[in-house]
Amino acid sequence: MTIDASELNQLRADLGIAGYKATRAAQVVIRKTAADIAAEAKRLAPVDTGMLRASIGYDVSASGLVAIIGPTVSYGAFVEFGTRRMAPHAYMGPALDRCTPAYVSAMAQIGL
């Protein structure tokens, strides 16, 4: 009895290529979504001096599969969630909510 593994080897190669293409597509979606969320958060952020709005940005990990989005000023969370003496003015949460459907749709098109 002989087993021809050539088709299995081809399948493994095809899956590797498909995985690479899906990863690259996911990296593009993640970077675009991070930029969209940051832009929407800037649009929604309250403006006093403009420092909060100017500090909102994003960083994408070396793998391209993780993005950190938010302000760099120390008081960003106080504005988002409020304090005992200051009412919240959410800008990051609503930005995420508005951009999530497009992200989910794009990832579904990739098959993820």
N, C-alpha and C. Protein backbone atom coordinates (compact mmCIF):
# COMPACT_ATOMS: atom_id res chain seq x y z
N MET A 1 0.85 -1.17 0.00
CA MET A 1 0.00 0.00 0.00
C MET A 1 0.90 1.24 0.00
N THR A 2 0.61 2.16 -0.90
CA THR A 2 1.37 3.40 -0.96
C THR A 2 0.42 4.58 -0.77
N ILE A 3 0.95 5.61 -0.16
CA ILE A 3 0.16 6.82 0.07
C ILE A 3 0.85 7.96 -0.65
N ASP A 4 0.07 8.66 -1.46
CA ASP A 4 0.59 9.82 -2.19
C ASP A 4 0.31 11.07 -1.35
N ALA A 5 1.34 11.64 -0.79
CA ALA A 5 1.19 12.81 0.09
C ALA A 5 1.29 14.12 -0.67
N SER A 6 1.42 14.06 -1.97
CA SER A 6 1.59 15.31 -2.73
C SER A 6 0.38 16.23 -2.60
N GLU A 7 -0.82 15.66 -2.57
CA GLU A 7 -2.01 16.50 -2.42
C GLU A 7 -2.07 17.11 -1.02
N LEU A 8 -1.66 16.35 -0.03
CA LEU A 8 -1.62 16.90 1.34
C LEU A 8 -0.60 18.02 1.44
N ASN A 9 0.53 17.84 0.79
CA ASN A 9 1.54 18.90 0.79
C ASN A 9 1.03 20.15 0.09
N GLN A 10 0.30 19.97 -1.01
CA GLN A 10 -0.28 21.11 -1.72
C GLN A 10 -1.33 21.79 -0.86
N LEU A 11 -2.16 21.00 -0.17
CA LEU A 11 -3.17 21.57 0.73
C LEU A 11 -2.50 22.38 1.83
N ARG A 12 -1.44 21.85 2.41
CA ARG A 12 -0.72 22.57 3.46
C ARG A 12 -0.17 23.90 2.92
N ALA A 13 0.38 23.88 1.72
CA ALA A 13 0.90 25.10 1.11
C ALA A 13 -0.22 26.10 0.83
N ASP A 14 -1.35 25.59 0.32
CA ASP A 14 -2.49 26.47 0.04
C ASP A 14 -3.03 27.10 1.32
N LEU A 15 -3.12 26.31 2.38
CA LEU A 15 -3.59 26.85 3.66
C LEU A 15 -2.63 27.89 4.21
N GLY A 16 -1.34 27.66 4.03
CA GLY A 16 -0.35 28.64 4.47
C GLY A 16 -0.50 29.95 3.74
N ILE A 17 -0.72 29.88 2.43
CA ILE A 17 -0.91 31.10 1.63
C ILE A 17 -2.20 31.79 2.03
N ALA A 18 -3.27 31.02 2.22
CA ALA A 18 -4.55 31.60 2.62
C ALA A 18 -4.42 32.27 3.98
N GLY A 19 -3.71 31.62 4.90
CA GLY A 19 -3.51 32.21 6.22
C GLY A 19 -2.73 33.51 6.14
N TYR A 20 -1.71 33.54 5.30
CA TYR A 20 -0.91 34.75 5.12
C TYR A 20 -1.77 35.87 4.55
N LYS A 21 -2.55 35.55 3.53
CA LYS A 21 -3.41 36.57 2.90
C LYS A 21 -4.46 37.09 3.89
N ALA A 22 -5.03 36.19 4.69
CA ALA A 22 -6.03 36.61 5.68
C ALA A 22 -5.38 37.50 6.74
N THR A 23 -4.19 37.15 7.16
CA THR A 23 -3.48 37.96 8.15
C THR A 23 -3.19 39.35 7.60
N ARG A 24 -2.70 39.42 6.37
CA ARG A 24 -2.41 40.72 5.75
C ARG A 24 -3.68 41.55 5.62
N ALA A 25 -4.77 40.93 5.22
CA ALA A 25 -6.04 41.65 5.09
C ALA A 25 -6.52 42.13 6.45
N ALA A 26 -6.37 41.30 7.48
CA ALA A 26 -6.78 41.70 8.83
C ALA A 26 -5.94 42.87 9.32
N GLN A 27 -4.66 42.88 9.01
CA GLN A 27 -3.79 44.00 9.40
C GLN A 27 -4.28 45.31 8.78
N VAL A 28 -4.69 45.25 7.53
CA VAL A 28 -5.20 46.45 6.85
C VAL A 28 -6.49 46.92 7.52
N VAL A 29 -7.38 45.98 7.82
CA VAL A 29 -8.66 46.33 8.46
C VAL A 29 -8.40 46.93 9.84
N ILE A 30 -7.50 46.35 10.60
CA ILE A 30 -7.22 46.84 11.95
C ILE A 30 -6.63 48.24 11.90
N ARG A 31 -5.70 48.48 11.01
CA ARG A 31 -5.10 49.82 10.89
C ARG A 31 -6.15 50.85 10.47
N LYS A 32 -6.99 50.51 9.50
CA LYS A 32 -8.02 51.44 9.04
C LYS A 32 -9.04 51.71 10.15
N THR A 33 -9.45 50.67 10.85
CA THR A 33 -10.42 50.84 11.93
C THR A 33 -9.84 51.69 13.05
N ALA A 34 -8.58 51.48 13.39
CA ALA A 34 -7.94 52.30 14.42
C ALA A 34 -7.93 53.76 14.01
N ALA A 35 -7.60 54.03 12.76
CA ALA A 35 -7.59 55.41 12.26
C ALA A 35 -9.00 56.00 12.28
N ASP A 36 -10.00 55.20 11.91
CA ASP A 36 -11.39 55.67 11.92
C ASP A 36 -11.87 55.98 13.33
N ILE A 37 -11.54 55.11 14.28
CA ILE A 37 -11.95 55.34 15.67
C ILE A 37 -11.28 56.59 16.22
N ALA A 38 -9.99 56.76 15.96
CA ALA A 38 -9.28 57.95 16.43
C ALA A 38 -9.89 59.22 15.83
N ALA A 39 -10.21 59.19 14.55
CA ALA A 39 -10.80 60.36 13.89
C ALA A 39 -12.18 60.67 14.47
N GLU A 40 -12.97 59.63 14.71
CA GLU A 40 -14.31 59.84 15.28
C GLU A 40 -14.21 60.34 16.71
N ALA A 41 -13.27 59.82 17.49
CA ALA A 41 -13.07 60.28 18.86
C ALA A 41 -12.65 61.74 18.87
N LYS A 42 -11.80 62.13 17.95
CA LYS A 42 -11.40 63.55 17.86
C LYS A 42 -12.60 64.42 17.55
N ARG A 43 -13.47 63.93 16.69
CA ARG A 43 -14.66 64.69 16.33
C ARG A 43 -15.60 64.84 17.53
N LEU A 44 -15.68 63.80 18.36
CA LEU A 44 -16.61 63.80 19.50
C LEU A 44 -16.02 64.41 20.77
N ALA A 45 -14.72 64.55 20.85
CA ALA A 45 -14.08 65.04 22.08
C ALA A 45 -14.45 66.49 22.34
N PRO A 46 -14.73 66.81 23.60
CA PRO A 46 -15.01 68.20 23.93
C PRO A 46 -13.74 69.03 23.77
N VAL A 47 -13.91 70.28 23.43
CA VAL A 47 -12.75 71.15 23.19
C VAL A 47 -12.78 72.31 24.17
N ASP A 48 -11.73 72.40 24.96
CA ASP A 48 -11.51 73.58 25.80
C ASP A 48 -10.23 74.22 25.27
N THR A 49 -9.12 73.58 25.54
CA THR A 49 -7.85 74.09 25.01
C THR A 49 -7.46 73.38 23.70
N GLY A 50 -8.09 72.25 23.43
CA GLY A 50 -7.77 71.47 22.24
C GLY A 50 -6.71 70.41 22.49
N MET A 51 -6.16 70.37 23.71
CA MET A 51 -5.10 69.40 24.01
C MET A 51 -5.62 67.96 23.97
N LEU A 52 -6.82 67.74 24.51
CA LEU A 52 -7.38 66.39 24.51
C LEU A 52 -7.55 65.90 23.07
N ARG A 53 -8.18 66.70 22.26
CA ARG A 53 -8.42 66.33 20.86
C ARG A 53 -7.09 66.07 20.14
N ALA A 54 -6.13 66.93 20.35
CA ALA A 54 -4.84 66.78 19.67
C ALA A 54 -4.08 65.54 20.13
N SER A 55 -4.36 65.07 21.35
CA SER A 55 -3.61 63.93 21.89
C SER A 55 -4.19 62.58 21.48
N ILE A 56 -5.34 62.56 20.86
CA ILE A 56 -5.97 61.29 20.48
C ILE A 56 -5.26 60.72 19.25
N GLY A 57 -4.85 59.49 19.37
CA GLY A 57 -4.16 58.83 18.27
C GLY A 57 -4.22 57.33 18.43
N TYR A 58 -3.42 56.63 17.67
CA TYR A 58 -3.39 55.18 17.76
C TYR A 58 -2.00 54.65 17.43
N ASP A 59 -1.71 53.49 17.98
CA ASP A 59 -0.48 52.75 17.68
C ASP A 59 -0.88 51.33 17.31
N VAL A 60 -0.25 50.79 16.30
CA VAL A 60 -0.49 49.42 15.88
C VAL A 60 0.75 48.60 16.25
N SER A 61 0.51 47.42 16.81
CA SER A 61 1.62 46.55 17.24
C SER A 61 2.46 46.11 16.05
N ALA A 62 3.61 45.56 16.36
CA ALA A 62 4.52 45.07 15.31
C ALA A 62 3.86 43.98 14.47
N SER A 63 3.01 43.18 15.10
CA SER A 63 2.32 42.12 14.35
C SER A 63 1.23 42.69 13.45
N GLY A 64 0.80 43.91 13.75
CA GLY A 64 -0.27 44.52 12.98
C GLY A 64 -1.65 44.03 13.35
N LEU A 65 -1.73 43.22 14.40
CA LEU A 65 -3.01 42.63 14.77
C LEU A 65 -3.60 43.22 16.04
N VAL A 66 -2.92 44.19 16.64
CA VAL A 66 -3.41 44.85 17.84
C VAL A 66 -3.23 46.35 17.67
N ALA A 67 -4.27 47.11 18.01
CA ALA A 67 -4.17 48.57 17.96
C ALA A 67 -4.58 49.13 19.30
N ILE A 68 -3.84 50.13 19.76
CA ILE A 68 -4.18 50.85 20.98
C ILE A 68 -4.58 52.25 20.55
N ILE A 69 -5.78 52.64 20.95
CA ILE A 69 -6.35 53.91 20.49
C ILE A 69 -6.75 54.72 21.72
N GLY A 70 -6.42 56.00 21.73
CA GLY A 70 -6.85 56.83 22.84
C GLY A 70 -6.00 58.07 22.98
N PRO A 71 -6.34 58.87 23.99
CA PRO A 71 -5.59 60.10 24.22
C PRO A 71 -4.32 59.83 25.01
N THR A 72 -3.37 60.74 24.89
CA THR A 72 -2.15 60.62 25.68
C THR A 72 -2.15 61.58 26.87
N VAL A 73 -3.09 62.52 26.90
CA VAL A 73 -3.14 63.43 28.05
C VAL A 73 -3.64 62.66 29.27
N SER A 74 -3.16 63.04 30.43
CA SER A 74 -3.46 62.30 31.65
C SER A 74 -4.92 62.37 32.08
N TYR A 75 -5.65 63.37 31.63
CA TYR A 75 -7.02 63.55 32.09
C TYR A 75 -8.07 62.98 31.13
N GLY A 76 -7.63 62.26 30.10
CA GLY A 76 -8.56 61.72 29.12
C GLY A 76 -9.64 60.83 29.72
N ALA A 77 -9.27 59.98 30.66
CA ALA A 77 -10.24 59.08 31.30
C ALA A 77 -11.22 59.86 32.17
N PHE A 78 -10.77 60.95 32.79
CA PHE A 78 -11.68 61.75 33.61
C PHE A 78 -12.77 62.38 32.75
N VAL A 79 -12.41 62.81 31.57
CA VAL A 79 -13.40 63.39 30.65
C VAL A 79 -14.36 62.30 30.20
N GLU A 80 -13.84 61.15 29.82
CA GLU A 80 -14.66 60.05 29.32
C GLU A 80 -15.65 59.54 30.37
N PHE A 81 -15.17 59.33 31.59
CA PHE A 81 -15.98 58.68 32.61
C PHE A 81 -16.49 59.63 33.69
N GLY A 82 -15.98 60.84 33.74
CA GLY A 82 -16.40 61.80 34.75
C GLY A 82 -15.72 61.57 36.08
N THR A 83 -16.01 62.46 37.00
CA THR A 83 -15.51 62.36 38.37
C THR A 83 -16.67 62.68 39.30
N ARG A 84 -16.39 62.74 40.58
CA ARG A 84 -17.46 63.12 41.52
C ARG A 84 -18.01 64.50 41.21
N ARG A 85 -17.16 65.37 40.74
CA ARG A 85 -17.56 66.76 40.53
C ARG A 85 -17.76 67.13 39.06
N MET A 86 -17.47 66.20 38.17
CA MET A 86 -17.55 66.51 36.75
C MET A 86 -18.32 65.40 36.03
N ALA A 87 -19.32 65.79 35.29
CA ALA A 87 -20.11 64.81 34.53
C ALA A 87 -19.26 64.21 33.41
N PRO A 88 -19.53 62.97 33.05
CA PRO A 88 -18.77 62.36 31.96
C PRO A 88 -19.14 62.97 30.61
N HIS A 89 -18.18 62.99 29.73
CA HIS A 89 -18.41 63.39 28.34
C HIS A 89 -17.71 62.33 27.48
N ALA A 90 -18.45 61.25 27.24
CA ALA A 90 -17.87 60.12 26.51
C ALA A 90 -17.55 60.50 25.07
N TYR A 91 -16.39 60.11 24.64
CA TYR A 91 -15.97 60.33 23.25
C TYR A 91 -15.32 59.07 22.67
N MET A 92 -14.60 58.32 23.48
CA MET A 92 -13.96 57.10 23.00
C MET A 92 -14.99 55.97 22.82
N GLY A 93 -15.83 55.77 23.82
CA GLY A 93 -16.84 54.71 23.74
C GLY A 93 -17.76 54.87 22.54
N PRO A 94 -18.34 56.07 22.38
CA PRO A 94 -19.20 56.27 21.21
C PRO A 94 -18.46 56.13 19.88
N ALA A 95 -17.20 56.54 19.83
CA ALA A 95 -16.41 56.37 18.60
C ALA A 95 -16.24 54.89 18.28
N LEU A 96 -15.95 54.10 19.31
CA LEU A 96 -15.82 52.66 19.12
C LEU A 96 -17.15 52.06 18.65
N ASP A 97 -18.24 52.47 19.29
CA ASP A 97 -19.56 51.96 18.91
C ASP A 97 -19.90 52.27 17.46
N ARG A 98 -19.54 53.44 17.00
CA ARG A 98 -19.86 53.84 15.62
C ARG A 98 -19.01 53.12 14.58
N CYS A 99 -17.80 52.75 14.96
CA CYS A 99 -16.89 52.11 13.99
C CYS A 99 -16.93 50.59 14.02
N THR A 100 -17.51 50.01 15.05
CA THR A 100 -17.53 48.56 15.19
C THR A 100 -18.25 47.84 14.05
N PRO A 101 -19.43 48.30 13.60
CA PRO A 101 -20.11 47.57 12.52
C PRO A 101 -19.27 47.44 11.24
N ALA A 102 -18.57 48.48 10.86
CA ALA A 102 -17.72 48.41 9.66
C ALA A 102 -16.57 47.43 9.87
N TYR A 103 -16.01 47.41 11.08
CA TYR A 103 -14.93 46.48 11.41
C TYR A 103 -15.41 45.04 11.32
N VAL A 104 -16.55 44.77 11.94
CA VAL A 104 -17.10 43.41 11.94
C VAL A 104 -17.40 42.96 10.50
N SER A 105 -17.97 43.85 9.72
CA SER A 105 -18.28 43.53 8.32
C SER A 105 -17.01 43.24 7.52
N ALA A 106 -15.99 44.06 7.69
CA ALA A 106 -14.73 43.86 6.96
C ALA A 106 -14.07 42.55 7.36
N MET A 107 -14.08 42.23 8.64
CA MET A 107 -13.47 40.97 9.09
C MET A 107 -14.28 39.78 8.58
N ALA A 108 -15.59 39.92 8.49
CA ALA A 108 -16.43 38.83 7.97
C ALA A 108 -16.12 38.58 6.50
N GLN A 109 -15.84 39.63 5.75
CA GLN A 109 -15.50 39.47 4.34
C GLN A 109 -14.18 38.71 4.17
N ILE A 110 -13.29 38.88 5.13
CA ILE A 110 -12.02 38.15 5.10
C ILE A 110 -12.25 36.69 5.48
N GLY A 111 -13.28 36.48 6.26
CA GLY A 111 -13.57 35.14 6.75
C GLY A 111 -13.13 34.93 8.18
N LEU A 112 -12.88 36.04 8.88
CA LEU A 112 -12.45 35.96 10.28
C LEU A 112 -13.57 36.35 11.21
